[in-house]
Amino acid sequence: MPDDRTLAVEAAQAAGELALGYFGGAVETWEKGPNNPVCEADLALDRLLHERLLGARPAYGWLSEETADDAERLGRRRLWVVDPIDGTRDFLRGRTGWAVSVALVEDGVPILAALYAPARQQFFVAEAGKGATLNGAPIRIGGCDSVAGCRIPADISTIGASYWPERWDAAAVEKPNGLALRIAKLAIDEADAFFEGRPMGEWDIAAAALILSEAGGTITDREGAPLRFNKPVPRLRGVIAAVPAIHGEVLRRVGRGIAAINALRRPGGPGAGRSRSSGSDPSRP
């Protein structure tokens, strides 16, 4: 029987190869909710991962974006946290910004991660206390020490939006649709900071959070608290990820931006009842 690391890596690889069989072709697609597409490939990968991972470790819990949640997982010390295709929109558009995300969580903390982006030929693996790798080679964050000039995987319209109390003197770099890949860009020194104020599923972040941490980065929720997983409601209140030297400043600026947006929305505020068109809103609580 393979160990957990081998099991996770082999399952993610098999899922990635299965995904490539669908990628670029005609697939059945529907929406789970507004702006939340899912396709037959998502479900096929979910079945494969469930069979490979939980089939080999029936004592572990299971949490996947594409499986109905079961509160039974709360009683399990170890839990597989899976997003079969993180970045489904890019997958459906024929773009490469999607990945298979697999994490093993123990007592609320990720201890193992496998993030496979087969269309980019990128395979990230991390284990708590043992570092992170890309395609087998060790990876490390960059040496950015100032928000001025830092690289952020975001739209230019977001970085330059008028709602920021302080203008970002930053460079917008490529933004994959998958949240995990945006965070992984920090781990390989292709970005220096990433923020998302809106809630997200634990499956979006679990693997990438460990990869970044093991590469030397810092990641918290939007209030600066450590990320915890396997909660009764498996949602995170945003994420702030950065190289350690600028994490505090990014956290502060995002916090001021969210406060400014909330002030505009209050009844009688200057933006009450008015739509906004000056960039994506990072704060939606």
C-alpha atoms as a PDB file:
ATOM      1  CA  MET A   1       0.000   0.000   0.000  1.00  0.00           C
ATOM      2  CA  PRO A   2       1.511   3.382  -0.990  1.00  0.00           C
ATOM      3  CA  ASP A   3       2.102   6.067   1.608  1.00  0.00           C
ATOM      4  CA  ASP A   4      -0.111   9.167   1.646  1.00  0.00           C
ATOM      5  CA  ARG A   5       2.283  11.253  -0.420  1.00  0.00           C
ATOM      6  CA  THR A   6       2.561   8.655  -3.172  1.00  0.00           C
ATOM      7  CA  LEU A   7      -1.186   8.098  -3.080  1.00  0.00           C
ATOM      8  CA  ALA A   8      -1.956  11.816  -3.478  1.00  0.00           C
ATOM      9  CA  VAL A   9       0.586  12.340  -6.246  1.00  0.00           C
ATOM     10  CA  GLU A  10      -0.529   9.323  -8.243  1.00  0.00           C
ATOM     11  CA  ALA A  11      -4.215  10.200  -7.852  1.00  0.00           C
ATOM     12  CA  ALA A  12      -3.660  13.815  -8.950  1.00  0.00           C
ATOM     13  CA  GLN A  13      -1.622  12.647 -11.929  1.00  0.00           C
ATOM     14  CA  ALA A  14      -4.289  10.162 -13.013  1.00  0.00           C
ATOM     15  CA  ALA A  15      -6.974  12.839 -12.660  1.00  0.00           C
ATOM     16  CA  GLY A  16      -4.917  15.298 -14.691  1.00  0.00           C
ATOM     17  CA  GLU A  17      -4.442  12.799 -17.501  1.00  0.00           C
ATOM     18  CA  LEU A  18      -8.177  12.085 -17.492  1.00  0.00           C
ATOM     19  CA  ALA A  19      -8.884  15.818 -17.680  1.00  0.00           C
ATOM     20  CA  LEU A  20      -6.686  16.200 -20.741  1.00  0.00           C
ATOM     21  CA  GLY A  21      -8.932  13.723 -22.513  1.00  0.00           C
ATOM     22  CA  TYR A  22     -11.806  16.189 -22.137  1.00  0.00           C
ATOM     23  CA  PHE A  23      -9.788  19.392 -22.548  1.00  0.00           C
ATOM     24  CA  GLY A  24     -10.437  21.229 -25.798  1.00  0.00           C
ATOM     25  CA  GLY A  25     -13.372  19.032 -26.724  1.00  0.00           C
ATOM     26  CA  ALA A  26     -17.137  19.347 -26.500  1.00  0.00           C
ATOM     27  CA  VAL A  27     -18.242  18.631 -22.934  1.00  0.00           C
ATOM     28  CA  GLU A  28     -21.617  18.843 -21.264  1.00  0.00           C
ATOM     29  CA  THR A  29     -21.750  21.983 -19.134  1.00  0.00           C
ATOM     30  CA  TRP A  30     -24.240  23.552 -16.734  1.00  0.00           C
ATOM     31  CA  GLU A  31     -24.235  26.044 -13.861  1.00  0.00           C
ATOM     32  CA  LYS A  32     -24.411  25.174 -10.151  1.00  0.00           C
ATOM     33  CA  GLY A  33     -25.135  28.838  -9.434  1.00  0.00           C
ATOM     34  CA  PRO A  34     -24.600  32.268 -10.981  1.00  0.00           C
ATOM     35  CA  ASN A  35     -21.196  32.420 -12.665  1.00  0.00           C
ATOM     36  CA  ASN A  36     -20.317  28.987 -11.263  1.00  0.00           C
ATOM     37  CA  PRO A  37     -19.981  26.526 -14.154  1.00  0.00           C
ATOM     38  CA  VAL A  38     -19.453  22.791 -13.837  1.00  0.00           C
ATOM     39  CA  CYS A  39     -18.984  20.187 -16.550  1.00  0.00           C
ATOM     40  CA  GLU A  40     -18.949  16.440 -16.987  1.00  0.00           C
ATOM     41  CA  ALA A  41     -15.156  16.426 -16.621  1.00  0.00           C
ATOM     42  CA  ASP A  42     -15.433  17.881 -13.087  1.00  0.00           C
ATOM     43  CA  LEU A  43     -17.641  14.981 -12.062  1.00  0.00           C
ATOM     44  CA  ALA A  44     -15.550  12.330 -13.806  1.00  0.00           C
ATOM     45  CA  LEU A  45     -12.407  13.546 -12.023  1.00  0.00           C
ATOM     46  CA  ASP A  46     -14.263  13.710  -8.729  1.00  0.00           C
ATOM     47  CA  ARG A  47     -15.258  10.057  -9.060  1.00  0.00           C
ATOM     48  CA  LEU A  48     -11.706   9.036  -9.926  1.00  0.00           C
ATOM     49  CA  LEU A  49     -10.190  10.926  -6.995  1.00  0.00           C
ATOM     50  CA  HIS A  50     -12.796   9.614  -4.562  1.00  0.00           C
ATOM     51  CA  GLU A  51     -12.098   6.047  -5.648  1.00  0.00           C
ATOM     52  CA  ARG A  52      -8.310   6.438  -5.538  1.00  0.00           C
ATOM     53  CA  LEU A  53      -8.008   8.451  -2.316  1.00  0.00           C
ATOM     54  CA  LEU A  54     -10.896   7.486  -0.086  1.00  0.00           C
ATOM     55  CA  GLY A  55     -10.907   3.962  -1.444  1.00  0.00           C
ATOM     56  CA  ALA A  56      -7.334   3.547  -0.205  1.00  0.00           C
ATOM     57  CA  ARG A  57      -7.920   5.449   3.057  1.00  0.00           C
ATOM     58  CA  PRO A  58     -11.515   4.744   4.165  1.00  0.00           C
ATOM     59  CA  ALA A  59     -10.757   6.038   7.665  1.00  0.00           C
ATOM     60  CA  TYR A  60     -10.114   9.546   6.311  1.00  0.00           C
ATOM     61  CA  GLY A  61     -12.782  12.166   5.739  1.00  0.00           C
ATOM     62  CA  TRP A  62     -13.719  13.658   2.359  1.00  0.00           C
ATOM     63  CA  LEU A  63     -14.473  17.203   1.216  1.00  0.00           C
ATOM     64  CA  SER A  64     -14.757  18.018  -2.477  1.00  0.00           C
ATOM     65  CA  GLU A  65     -16.313  20.868  -4.413  1.00  0.00           C
ATOM     66  CA  GLU A  66     -18.171  18.334  -6.539  1.00  0.00           C
ATOM     67  CA  THR A  67     -19.448  15.989  -3.798  1.00  0.00           C
ATOM     68  CA  ALA A  68     -22.407  16.673  -1.509  1.00  0.00           C
ATOM     69  CA  ASP A  69     -20.999  17.590   1.884  1.00  0.00           C
ATOM     70  CA  ASP A  70     -21.346  15.118   4.736  1.00  0.00           C
ATOM     71  CA  ALA A  71     -20.981  16.264   8.357  1.00  0.00           C
ATOM     72  CA  GLU A  72     -19.431  12.887   9.129  1.00  0.00           C
ATOM     73  CA  ARG A  73     -16.099  14.377   8.012  1.00  0.00           C
ATOM     74  CA  LEU A  74     -16.025  16.577  11.115  1.00  0.00           C
ATOM     75  CA  GLY A  75     -15.276  13.544  13.254  1.00  0.00           C
ATOM     76  CA  ARG A  76     -12.268  12.524  11.173  1.00  0.00           C
ATOM     77  CA  ARG A  77      -8.803  13.666  12.194  1.00  0.00           C
ATOM     78  CA  ARG A  78      -7.518  13.379   8.627  1.00  0.00           C
ATOM     79  CA  LEU A  79      -9.429  14.628   5.607  1.00  0.00           C
ATOM     80  CA  TRP A  80      -8.909  14.699   1.853  1.00  0.00           C
ATOM     81  CA  VAL A  81      -9.774  18.179   0.517  1.00  0.00           C
ATOM     82  CA  VAL A  82     -10.185  18.102  -3.253  1.00  0.00           C
ATOM     83  CA  ASP A  83     -11.048  20.375  -6.143  1.00  0.00           C
ATOM     84  CA  PRO A  84     -11.167  18.132  -9.229  1.00  0.00           C
ATOM     85  CA  ILE A  85     -10.775  21.090 -11.605  1.00  0.00           C
ATOM     86  CA  ASP A  86      -9.856  24.364  -9.948  1.00  0.00           C
ATOM     87  CA  GLY A  87     -10.442  26.908 -12.701  1.00  0.00           C
ATOM     88  CA  THR A  88     -13.305  25.299 -14.627  1.00  0.00           C
ATOM     89  CA  ARG A  89     -13.934  28.479 -16.630  1.00  0.00           C
ATOM     90  CA  ASP A  90     -10.410  28.388 -18.087  1.00  0.00           C
ATOM     91  CA  PHE A  91     -10.817  24.653 -18.716  1.00  0.00           C
ATOM     92  CA  LEU A  92     -14.002  25.267 -20.704  1.00  0.00           C
ATOM     93  CA  ARG A  93     -12.426  28.141 -22.641  1.00  0.00           C
ATOM     94  CA  GLY A  94      -9.475  26.009 -23.704  1.00  0.00           C
ATOM     95  CA  ARG A  95      -7.065  28.025 -21.550  1.00  0.00           C
ATOM     96  CA  THR A  96      -4.372  26.514 -19.342  1.00  0.00           C
ATOM     97  CA  GLY A  97      -5.168  28.189 -16.006  1.00  0.00           C
ATOM     98  CA  TRP A  98      -6.730  25.155 -14.310  1.00  0.00           C
ATOM     99  CA  ALA A  99      -5.401  22.400 -12.085  1.00  0.00           C
ATOM    100  CA  VAL A 100      -6.277  19.304 -10.093  1.00  0.00           C
ATOM    101  CA  SER A 101      -5.979  20.197  -6.408  1.00  0.00           C
ATOM    102  CA  VAL A 102      -5.523  17.544  -3.701  1.00  0.00           C
ATOM    103  CA  ALA A 103      -4.690  18.230  -0.057  1.00  0.00           C
ATOM    104  CA  LEU A 104      -4.550  16.088   3.046  1.00  0.00           C
ATOM    105  CA  VAL A 105      -5.609  17.980   6.165  1.00  0.00           C
ATOM    106  CA  GLU A 106      -4.844  16.838   9.698  1.00  0.00           C
ATOM    107  CA  ASP A 107      -6.477  18.508  12.708  1.00  0.00           C
ATOM    108  CA  GLY A 108      -7.471  21.468  10.552  1.00  0.00           C
ATOM    109  CA  VAL A 109      -4.053  22.042   8.965  1.00  0.00           C
ATOM    110  CA  PRO A 110      -2.830  20.899   5.497  1.00  0.00           C
ATOM    111  CA  ILE A 111       0.047  18.430   5.769  1.00  0.00           C
ATOM    112  CA  LEU A 112       0.275  17.232   2.161  1.00  0.00           C
ATOM    113  CA  ALA A 113      -0.483  18.847  -1.193  1.00  0.00           C
ATOM    114  CA  ALA A 114      -0.478  17.816  -4.846  1.00  0.00           C
ATOM    115  CA  LEU A 115      -1.431  20.459  -7.419  1.00  0.00           C
ATOM    116  CA  TYR A 116      -1.253  19.307 -11.032  1.00  0.00           C
ATOM    117  CA  ALA A 117      -1.746  21.651 -13.989  1.00  0.00           C
ATOM    118  CA  PRO A 118      -1.247  19.238 -16.906  1.00  0.00           C
ATOM    119  CA  ALA A 119      -1.934  21.800 -19.651  1.00  0.00           C
ATOM    120  CA  ARG A 120       0.993  23.821 -18.218  1.00  0.00           C
ATOM    121  CA  GLN A 121       3.140  20.777 -17.467  1.00  0.00           C
ATOM    122  CA  GLN A 122       3.371  21.924 -13.842  1.00  0.00           C
ATOM    123  CA  PHE A 123       3.169  19.520 -10.912  1.00  0.00           C
ATOM    124  CA  PHE A 124       3.520  21.063  -7.456  1.00  0.00           C
ATOM    125  CA  VAL A 125       3.999  18.860  -4.403  1.00  0.00           C
ATOM    126  CA  ALA A 126       4.476  19.887  -0.780  1.00  0.00           C
ATOM    127  CA  GLU A 127       4.662  18.131   2.559  1.00  0.00           C
ATOM    128  CA  ALA A 128       4.604  19.864   5.923  1.00  0.00           C
ATOM    129  CA  GLY A 129       8.141  20.482   7.143  1.00  0.00           C
ATOM    130  CA  LYS A 130       9.695  19.028   4.002  1.00  0.00           C
ATOM    131  CA  GLY A 131       9.468  21.885   1.507  1.00  0.00           C
ATOM    132  CA  ALA A 132       7.735  22.284  -1.834  1.00  0.00           C
ATOM    133  CA  THR A 133       8.700  21.259  -5.361  1.00  0.00           C
ATOM    134  CA  LEU A 134       7.711  21.974  -8.950  1.00  0.00           C
ATOM    135  CA  ASN A 135       8.262  19.006 -11.268  1.00  0.00           C
ATOM    136  CA  GLY A 136      10.560  17.543  -8.627  1.00  0.00           C
ATOM    137  CA  ALA A 137      12.791  20.602  -8.159  1.00  0.00           C
ATOM    138  CA  PRO A 138      12.713  22.641  -4.914  1.00  0.00           C
ATOM    139  CA  ILE A 139      10.942  26.009  -5.147  1.00  0.00           C
ATOM    140  CA  ARG A 140      11.232  29.211  -3.134  1.00  0.00           C
ATOM    141  CA  ILE A 141       9.518  32.591  -3.028  1.00  0.00           C
ATOM    142  CA  GLY A 142      11.262  35.696  -4.348  1.00  0.00           C
ATOM    143  CA  GLY A 143      12.923  38.468  -2.383  1.00  0.00           C
ATOM    144  CA  CYS A 144      10.436  41.305  -2.858  1.00  0.00           C
ATOM    145  CA  ASP A 145      10.551  43.655   0.146  1.00  0.00           C
ATOM    146  CA  SER A 146       8.165  46.444  -0.861  1.00  0.00           C
ATOM    147  CA  VAL A 147       4.600  46.752  -2.114  1.00  0.00           C
ATOM    148  CA  ALA A 148       5.895  49.329  -4.587  1.00  0.00           C
ATOM    149  CA  GLY A 149       6.544  47.436  -7.781  1.00  0.00           C
ATOM    150  CA  CYS A 150       5.328  44.082  -6.444  1.00  0.00           C
ATOM    151  CA  ARG A 151       3.730  41.614  -8.856  1.00  0.00           C
ATOM    152  CA  ILE A 152       0.084  40.629  -8.346  1.00  0.00           C
ATOM    153  CA  PRO A 153      -1.837  38.036 -10.418  1.00  0.00           C
ATOM    154  CA  ALA A 154      -4.884  40.237 -10.938  1.00  0.00           C
ATOM    155  CA  ASP A 155      -6.666  42.282 -13.576  1.00  0.00           C
ATOM    156  CA  ILE A 156      -5.280  45.763 -14.153  1.00  0.00           C
ATOM    157  CA  SER A 157      -8.809  47.070 -13.492  1.00  0.00           C
ATOM    158  CA  THR A 158      -8.722  45.576  -9.994  1.00  0.00           C
ATOM    159  CA  ILE A 159      -5.325  46.998  -9.076  1.00  0.00           C
ATOM    160  CA  GLY A 160      -6.217  50.428 -10.479  1.00  0.00           C
ATOM    161  CA  ALA A 161      -9.817  50.599  -9.219  1.00  0.00           C
ATOM    162  CA  SER A 162     -10.980  53.875  -7.693  1.00  0.00           C
ATOM    163  CA  TYR A 163     -12.214  52.341  -4.442  1.00  0.00           C
ATOM    164  CA  TRP A 164      -8.686  51.795  -3.075  1.00  0.00           C
ATOM    165  CA  PRO A 165      -7.837  54.453  -0.451  1.00  0.00           C
ATOM    166  CA  GLU A 166      -4.181  53.961  -1.392  1.00  0.00           C
ATOM    167  CA  ARG A 167      -3.208  53.400  -5.003  1.00  0.00           C
ATOM    168  CA  TRP A 168      -1.347  50.200  -5.726  1.00  0.00           C
ATOM    169  CA  ASP A 169       2.048  50.874  -7.274  1.00  0.00           C
ATOM    170  CA  ALA A 170       2.133  47.286  -8.478  1.00  0.00           C
ATOM    171  CA  ALA A 171       2.407  45.264 -11.660  1.00  0.00           C
ATOM    172  CA  ALA A 172      -0.467  43.068 -12.829  1.00  0.00           C
ATOM    173  CA  VAL A 173       0.842  39.693 -13.984  1.00  0.00           C
ATOM    174  CA  GLU A 174      -0.918  36.729 -15.580  1.00  0.00           C
ATOM    175  CA  LYS A 175      -3.993  35.627 -13.631  1.00  0.00           C
ATOM    176  CA  PRO A 176      -5.004  31.981 -14.074  1.00  0.00           C
ATOM    177  CA  ASN A 177      -8.671  31.306 -13.437  1.00  0.00           C
ATOM    178  CA  GLY A 178      -7.741  28.757 -10.764  1.00  0.00           C
ATOM    179  CA  LEU A 179      -7.145  30.386  -7.360  1.00  0.00           C
ATOM    180  CA  ALA A 180      -4.644  27.678  -6.464  1.00  0.00           C
ATOM    181  CA  LEU A 181      -2.460  28.486  -9.460  1.00  0.00           C
ATOM    182  CA  ARG A 182      -2.501  32.200  -8.639  1.00  0.00           C
ATOM    183  CA  ILE A 183      -1.130  31.397  -5.185  1.00  0.00           C
ATOM    184  CA  ALA A 184       1.351  28.899  -6.621  1.00  0.00           C
ATOM    185  CA  LYS A 185       2.797  31.683  -8.780  1.00  0.00           C
ATOM    186  CA  LEU A 186       4.152  33.246  -5.582  1.00  0.00           C
ATOM    187  CA  ALA A 187       5.837  29.976  -4.659  1.00  0.00           C
ATOM    188  CA  ILE A 188       7.852  29.992  -7.912  1.00  0.00           C
ATOM    189  CA  ASP A 189       8.713  33.715  -7.844  1.00  0.00           C
ATOM    190  CA  GLU A 190       6.310  34.694 -10.635  1.00  0.00           C
ATOM    191  CA  ALA A 191       4.320  36.938  -8.267  1.00  0.00           C
ATOM    192  CA  ASP A 192       4.792  38.561  -4.868  1.00  0.00           C
ATOM    193  CA  ALA A 193       1.277  39.010  -3.480  1.00  0.00           C
ATOM    194  CA  PHE A 194      -2.268  37.831  -4.015  1.00  0.00           C
ATOM    195  CA  PHE A 195      -5.513  38.829  -2.330  1.00  0.00           C
ATOM    196  CA  GLU A 196      -9.126  37.780  -2.566  1.00  0.00           C
ATOM    197  CA  GLY A 197     -11.637  39.368  -0.217  1.00  0.00           C
ATOM    198  CA  ARG A 198     -14.601  37.232  -1.160  1.00  0.00           C
ATOM    199  CA  PRO A 199     -15.441  33.944   0.590  1.00  0.00           C
ATOM    200  CA  MET A 200     -14.170  30.761  -1.035  1.00  0.00           C
ATOM    201  CA  GLY A 201     -14.365  27.030  -0.496  1.00  0.00           C
ATOM    202  CA  GLU A 202     -11.693  25.273   1.523  1.00  0.00           C
ATOM    203  CA  TRP A 203     -11.024  23.129  -1.551  1.00  0.00           C
ATOM    204  CA  ASP A 204      -9.904  26.211  -3.496  1.00  0.00           C
ATOM    205  CA  ILE A 205      -7.014  26.941  -1.149  1.00  0.00           C
ATOM    206  CA  ALA A 206      -5.972  23.905   0.919  1.00  0.00           C
ATOM    207  CA  ALA A 207      -3.260  22.530  -1.388  1.00  0.00           C
ATOM    208  CA  ALA A 208      -1.951  25.915  -2.534  1.00  0.00           C
ATOM    209  CA  ALA A 209      -1.722  27.217   1.046  1.00  0.00           C
ATOM    210  CA  LEU A 210       0.696  24.453   1.998  1.00  0.00           C
ATOM    211  CA  ILE A 211       2.709  24.831  -1.218  1.00  0.00           C
ATOM    212  CA  LEU A 212       3.182  28.545  -0.565  1.00  0.00           C
ATOM    213  CA  SER A 213       3.982  28.089   3.120  1.00  0.00           C
ATOM    214  CA  GLU A 214       6.561  25.408   2.396  1.00  0.00           C
ATOM    215  CA  ALA A 215       8.119  27.681  -0.242  1.00  0.00           C
ATOM    216  CA  GLY A 216       8.569  30.382   2.413  1.00  0.00           C
ATOM    217  CA  GLY A 217       5.464  32.512   1.851  1.00  0.00           C
ATOM    218  CA  THR A 218       2.802  33.754   4.254  1.00  0.00           C
ATOM    219  CA  ILE A 219      -0.923  33.114   3.827  1.00  0.00           C
ATOM    220  CA  THR A 220      -3.833  34.110   6.075  1.00  0.00           C
ATOM    221  CA  ASP A 221      -7.481  35.015   5.795  1.00  0.00           C
ATOM    222  CA  ARG A 222      -8.448  38.629   5.077  1.00  0.00           C
ATOM    223  CA  GLU A 223      -8.333  39.464   8.811  1.00  0.00           C
ATOM    224  CA  GLY A 224      -4.805  38.084   9.157  1.00  0.00           C
ATOM    225  CA  ALA A 225      -5.837  34.912  10.997  1.00  0.00           C
ATOM    226  CA  PRO A 226      -4.258  31.525  10.183  1.00  0.00           C
ATOM    227  CA  LEU A 227      -6.258  29.404   7.773  1.00  0.00           C
ATOM    228  CA  ARG A 228      -8.165  26.513   9.345  1.00  0.00           C
ATOM    229  CA  PHE A 229      -9.795  23.702   7.428  1.00  0.00           C
ATOM    230  CA  ASN A 230     -12.488  21.060   8.002  1.00  0.00           C
ATOM    231  CA  LYS A 231     -14.868  23.555   9.570  1.00  0.00           C
ATOM    232  CA  PRO A 232     -18.626  22.854   9.792  1.00  0.00           C
ATOM    233  CA  VAL A 233     -19.169  25.418   7.022  1.00  0.00           C
ATOM    234  CA  PRO A 234     -16.139  24.824   4.762  1.00  0.00           C
ATOM    235  CA  ARG A 235     -15.669  28.431   3.684  1.00  0.00           C
ATOM    236  CA  LEU A 236     -12.762  30.830   4.162  1.00  0.00           C
ATOM    237  CA  ARG A 237     -13.180  34.576   4.657  1.00  0.00           C
ATOM    238  CA  GLY A 238     -10.933  35.581   1.821  1.00  0.00           C
ATOM    239  CA  VAL A 239      -7.189  35.105   1.584  1.00  0.00           C
ATOM    240  CA  ILE A 240      -4.091  37.296   1.735  1.00  0.00           C
ATOM    241  CA  ALA A 241      -0.930  35.659   0.394  1.00  0.00           C
ATOM    242  CA  ALA A 242       2.456  37.323   0.019  1.00  0.00           C
ATOM    243  CA  VAL A 243       6.150  37.081   0.577  1.00  0.00           C
ATOM    244  CA  PRO A 244       6.624  37.662   4.330  1.00  0.00           C
ATOM    245  CA  ALA A 245       8.205  41.120   4.021  1.00  0.00           C
ATOM    246  CA  ILE A 246       5.065  42.654   2.495  1.00  0.00           C
ATOM    247  CA  HIS A 247       2.247  40.470   3.841  1.00  0.00           C
ATOM    248  CA  GLY A 248       1.389  42.902   6.638  1.00  0.00           C
ATOM    249  CA  GLU A 249       1.212  45.868   4.290  1.00  0.00           C
ATOM    250  CA  VAL A 250      -0.916  43.992   1.744  1.00  0.00           C
ATOM    251  CA  LEU A 251      -3.235  42.909   4.554  1.00  0.00           C
ATOM    252  CA  ARG A 252      -3.541  46.509   5.770  1.00  0.00           C
ATOM    253  CA  ARG A 253      -4.277  47.905   2.318  1.00  0.00           C
ATOM    254  CA  VAL A 254      -6.873  45.271   1.509  1.00  0.00           C
ATOM    255  CA  GLY A 255      -8.521  45.878   4.875  1.00  0.00           C
ATOM    256  CA  ARG A 256      -8.762  49.612   4.134  1.00  0.00           C
ATOM    257  CA  GLY A 257     -10.176  48.865   0.690  1.00  0.00           C
ATOM    258  CA  ILE A 258     -12.867  46.584   2.101  1.00  0.00           C
ATOM    259  CA  ALA A 259     -13.774  49.192   4.732  1.00  0.00           C
ATOM    260  CA  ALA A 260     -14.066  51.864   2.045  1.00  0.00           C
ATOM    261  CA  ILE A 261     -16.353  49.708  -0.093  1.00  0.00           C
ATOM    262  CA  ASN A 262     -18.541  48.814   2.885  1.00  0.00           C
ATOM    263  CA  ALA A 263     -18.849  52.511   3.782  1.00  0.00           C
ATOM    264  CA  LEU A 264     -20.036  53.279   0.253  1.00  0.00           C
ATOM    265  CA  ARG A 265     -22.684  50.576   0.522  1.00  0.00           C
ATOM    266  CA  ARG A 266     -24.173  51.706   3.815  1.00  0.00           C
ATOM    267  CA  PRO A 267     -27.612  53.362   3.549  1.00  0.00           C
ATOM    268  CA  GLY A 268     -27.076  57.015   2.833  1.00  0.00           C
ATOM    269  CA  GLY A 269     -23.435  56.450   1.862  1.00  0.00           C
ATOM    270  CA  PRO A 270     -22.061  58.171  -1.241  1.00  0.00           C
ATOM    271  CA  GLY A 271     -22.292  54.953  -3.270  1.00  0.00           C
ATOM    272  CA  ALA A 272     -25.622  53.648  -1.962  1.00  0.00           C
ATOM    273  CA  GLY A 273     -27.794  52.283  -4.736  1.00  0.00           C
ATOM    274  CA  ARG A 274     -25.179  52.997  -7.391  1.00  0.00           C
ATOM    275  CA  SER A 275     -23.507  50.301  -9.461  1.00  0.00           C
ATOM    276  CA  ARG A 276     -19.733  50.233  -9.670  1.00  0.00           C
ATOM    277  CA  SER A 277     -17.836  49.834 -12.909  1.00  0.00           C
ATOM    278  CA  SER A 278     -14.291  50.762 -11.918  1.00  0.00           C
ATOM    279  CA  GLY A 279     -12.801  47.340 -11.362  1.00  0.00           C
ATOM    280  CA  SER A 280     -13.605  44.056  -9.647  1.00  0.00           C
ATOM    281  CA  ASP A 281     -14.805  44.257  -6.065  1.00  0.00           C
ATOM    282  CA  PRO A 282     -12.434  42.279  -3.788  1.00  0.00           C
ATOM    283  CA  SER A 283     -14.590  42.490  -0.709  1.00  0.00           C
ATOM    284  CA  ARG A 284     -17.955  40.847  -1.230  1.00  0.00           C
ATOM    285  CA  PRO A 285     -18.488  39.287   2.235  1.00  0.00           C
END
